[in-house]
Structure formats: structure tokens, C-alpha cells
C-alpha atoms as a PDB file:
ATOM      1  CA  MET A   1     141.969 -66.357 -32.731  1.00  0.00           C
ATOM      2  CA  ASP A   2     143.206 -64.017 -35.466  1.00  0.00           C
ATOM      3  CA  TYR A   3     146.241 -66.285 -37.898  1.00  0.00           C
ATOM      4  CA  ASP A   4     146.505 -63.632 -39.757  1.00  0.00           C
ATOM      5  CA  ALA A   5     147.720 -60.921 -37.074  1.00  0.00           C
ATOM      6  CA  LEU A   6     150.168 -64.167 -35.046  1.00  0.00           C
ATOM      7  CA  THR A   7     151.592 -64.217 -39.303  1.00  0.00           C
ATOM      8  CA  ARG A   8     152.281 -60.477 -39.261  1.00  0.00           C
ATOM      9  CA  LYS A   9     153.739 -60.689 -35.827  1.00  0.00           C
ATOM     10  CA  PHE A  10     155.479 -63.853 -36.604  1.00  0.00           C
ATOM     11  CA  LEU A  11     157.055 -62.188 -39.962  1.00  0.00           C
ATOM     12  CA  THR A  12     157.710 -58.951 -38.412  1.00  0.00           C
ATOM     13  CA  ASN A  13     159.731 -60.443 -35.334  1.00  0.00           C
ATOM     14  CA  LEU A  14     161.333 -62.857 -37.592  1.00  0.00           C
ATOM     15  CA  LYS A  15     162.630 -60.160 -40.118  1.00  0.00           C
ATOM     16  CA  GLU A  16     163.633 -57.457 -36.993  1.00  0.00           C
ATOM     17  CA  GLY A  17     165.802 -60.486 -35.404  1.00  0.00           C
ATOM     18  CA  ARG A  18     167.609 -60.505 -39.008  1.00  0.00           C
ATOM     19  CA  GLN A  19     168.074 -57.754 -38.676  1.00  0.00           C
ATOM     20  CA  THR A  20     170.234 -57.328 -35.741  1.00  0.00           C
ATOM     21  CA  GLU A  21     172.203 -60.398 -36.569  1.00  0.00           C
ATOM     22  CA  ALA A  22     172.928 -59.048 -40.188  1.00  0.00           C
ATOM     23  CA  GLY A  23     174.515 -55.902 -37.946  1.00  0.00           C
ATOM     24  CA  LEU A  24     176.284 -57.389 -35.754  1.00  0.00           C
ATOM     25  CA  ARG A  25     178.151 -60.096 -38.343  1.00  0.00           C
ATOM     26  CA  GLU A  26     178.788 -56.384 -40.530  1.00  0.00           C
ATOM     27  CA  TYR A  27     180.512 -55.225 -36.974  1.00  0.00           C
ATOM     28  CA  LEU A  28     181.958 -58.529 -36.957  1.00  0.00           C
ATOM     29  CA  GLN A  29     183.354 -58.772 -41.038  1.00  0.00           C
ATOM     30  CA  ALA A  30     184.298 -54.917 -40.804  1.00  0.00           C
ATOM     31  CA  LEU A  31     186.695 -55.024 -37.652  1.00  0.00           C
ATOM     32  CA  GLY A  32     187.912 -58.326 -39.567  1.00  0.00           C
ATOM     33  CA  GLU A  33     188.872 -56.488 -42.569  1.00  0.00           C
ATOM     34  CA  THR A  34     190.740 -53.783 -40.509  1.00  0.00           C
ATOM     35  CA  LEU A  35     192.539 -56.526 -38.676  1.00  0.00           C
ATOM     36  CA  SER A  36     193.304 -58.293 -41.989  1.00  0.00           C
ATOM     37  CA  SER A  37     194.640 -54.029 -43.437  1.00  0.00           C
ATOM     38  CA  LEU A  38     197.310 -54.202 -40.026  1.00  0.00           C
ATOM     39  CA  ASN A  39     200.847 -54.298 -41.195  1.00  0.00           C
ATOM     40  CA  PRO A  40     202.753 -55.325 -38.397  1.00  0.00           C
ATOM     41  CA  ARG A  41     206.695 -53.728 -37.752  1.00  0.00           C
ATOM     42  CA  THR A  42     207.860 -55.689 -34.721  1.00  0.00           C
ATOM     43  CA  GLN A  43     206.520 -59.469 -33.561  1.00  0.00           C
ATOM     44  CA  THR A  44     205.377 -58.325 -30.705  1.00  0.00           C
ATOM     45  CA  GLU A  45     203.100 -56.894 -32.825  1.00  0.00           C
ATOM     46  CA  GLN A  46     203.214 -59.550 -35.464  1.00  0.00           C
ATOM     47  CA  ARG A  47     201.817 -61.963 -32.097  1.00  0.00           C
ATOM     48  CA  ARG A  48     199.349 -59.402 -31.458  1.00  0.00           C
ATOM     49  CA  LEU A  49     197.743 -59.373 -34.375  1.00  0.00           C
ATOM     50  CA  VAL A  50     197.360 -62.892 -34.730  1.00  0.00           C
ATOM     51  CA  MET A  51     195.540 -63.309 -31.276  1.00  0.00           C
ATOM     52  CA  ALA A  52     193.546 -61.512 -31.777  1.00  0.00           C
ATOM     53  CA  LYS A  53     192.191 -62.935 -35.336  1.00  0.00           C
ATOM     54  CA  GLU A  54     191.635 -66.123 -33.792  1.00  0.00           C
ATOM     55  CA  GLN A  55     190.184 -64.342 -30.998  1.00  0.00           C
ATOM     56  CA  LEU A  56     187.605 -62.504 -33.494  1.00  0.00           C
ATOM     57  CA  ASN A  57     187.288 -66.064 -35.429  1.00  0.00           C
ATOM     58  CA  GLN A  58     186.084 -67.522 -31.583  1.00  0.00           C
ATOM     59  CA  ILE A  59     182.989 -64.495 -31.337  1.00  0.00           C
ATOM     60  CA  LYS A  60     182.564 -65.813 -34.983  1.00  0.00           C
ATOM     61  CA  LYS A  61     181.830 -69.197 -33.746  1.00  0.00           C
ATOM     62  CA  GLN A  62     179.855 -68.435 -30.370  1.00  0.00           C
ATOM     63  CA  THR A  63     176.755 -65.795 -31.819  1.00  0.00           C
ATOM     64  CA  ARG A  64     176.432 -67.740 -34.468  1.00  0.00           C
ATOM     65  CA  ARG A  65     175.535 -70.839 -31.611  1.00  0.00           C
ATOM     66  CA  LEU A  66     173.615 -68.258 -29.299  1.00  0.00           C
ATOM     67  CA  GLN A  67     171.691 -66.866 -32.755  1.00  0.00           C
ATOM     68  CA  GLU A  68     170.711 -70.591 -33.559  1.00  0.00           C
ATOM     69  CA  LYS A  69     169.965 -71.455 -29.715  1.00  0.00           C
ATOM     70  CA  ILE A  70     167.959 -67.770 -29.842  1.00  0.00           C
ATOM     71  CA  ALA A  71     165.588 -69.122 -32.450  1.00  0.00           C
ATOM     72  CA  ILE A  72     165.550 -72.894 -30.593  1.00  0.00           C
ATOM     73  CA  LEU A  73     163.889 -71.119 -28.059  1.00  0.00           C
ATOM     74  CA  GLU A  74     161.936 -67.913 -30.020  1.00  0.00           C
ATOM     75  CA  GLU A  75     159.952 -71.352 -31.975  1.00  0.00           C
ATOM     76  CA  GLN A  76     159.853 -73.315 -28.102  1.00  0.00           C
ATOM     77  CA  VAL A  77     158.216 -69.573 -26.633  1.00  0.00           C
ATOM     78  CA  SER A  78     155.450 -69.715 -30.232  1.00  0.00           C
ATOM     79  CA  ILE A  79     154.858 -73.709 -29.084  1.00  0.00           C
ATOM     80  CA  LEU A  80     154.146 -72.561 -25.842  1.00  0.00           C
ATOM     81  CA  GLU A  81     152.445 -69.779 -26.734  1.00  0.00           C
ATOM     82  CA  GLU A  82     149.554 -71.386 -29.247  1.00  0.00           C
ATOM     83  CA  ASP A  83     149.495 -74.133 -27.081  1.00  0.00           C
ATOM     84  CA  LYS A  84     147.613 -71.662 -23.947  1.00  0.00           C
ATOM     85  CA  ASP A  85     145.989 -70.705 -26.589  1.00  0.00           C
ATOM     86  CA  ILE A  86     143.918 -73.731 -27.748  1.00  0.00           C
END
């Protein structure tokens, strides 16, 4: 078993996963900033803006939970692959 190649592969996958996660976080951050910069003129627009901000917060929470689940599942897969190699 080549531990160097295995470690390199793991670190590459870890790096790629973080880039995807950061990209999603950046998009959500930009969307939040855009929503914050809007100036509603009517009560209806104001309610819609508040609702959009709340929904964005929920999306951020769900994204964070999904990223945590993905990390756990990836760890479980790597453990299973290690057990398979043994």
C-alpha cells in the first residue's frame, strides 16, 4: 500500500472540497450583501425583503449542516476503503 499516494489523494480531495464550499459561501455572502443594500419603497417590498433575508439565513444553516454531513460521510468512506485494503 502506497501511503504517500493515499495521503496526496486525500489532501487533494480535501482541498477541492474546501474550494467548492468556499465558493458556495461566497455566493451566499454576496447575495446577503445585495439584499442588505436594497431599499424597499413600500411595505410590501419591505416584507418581501425581510422574508428573503430569513430564507437566506435558513439556506446558510442547511448548507452548513450538509457540509458537515458530507465530511462525516467522506470520512466513513475512507475508513471503509482502508478496511477493504487490509
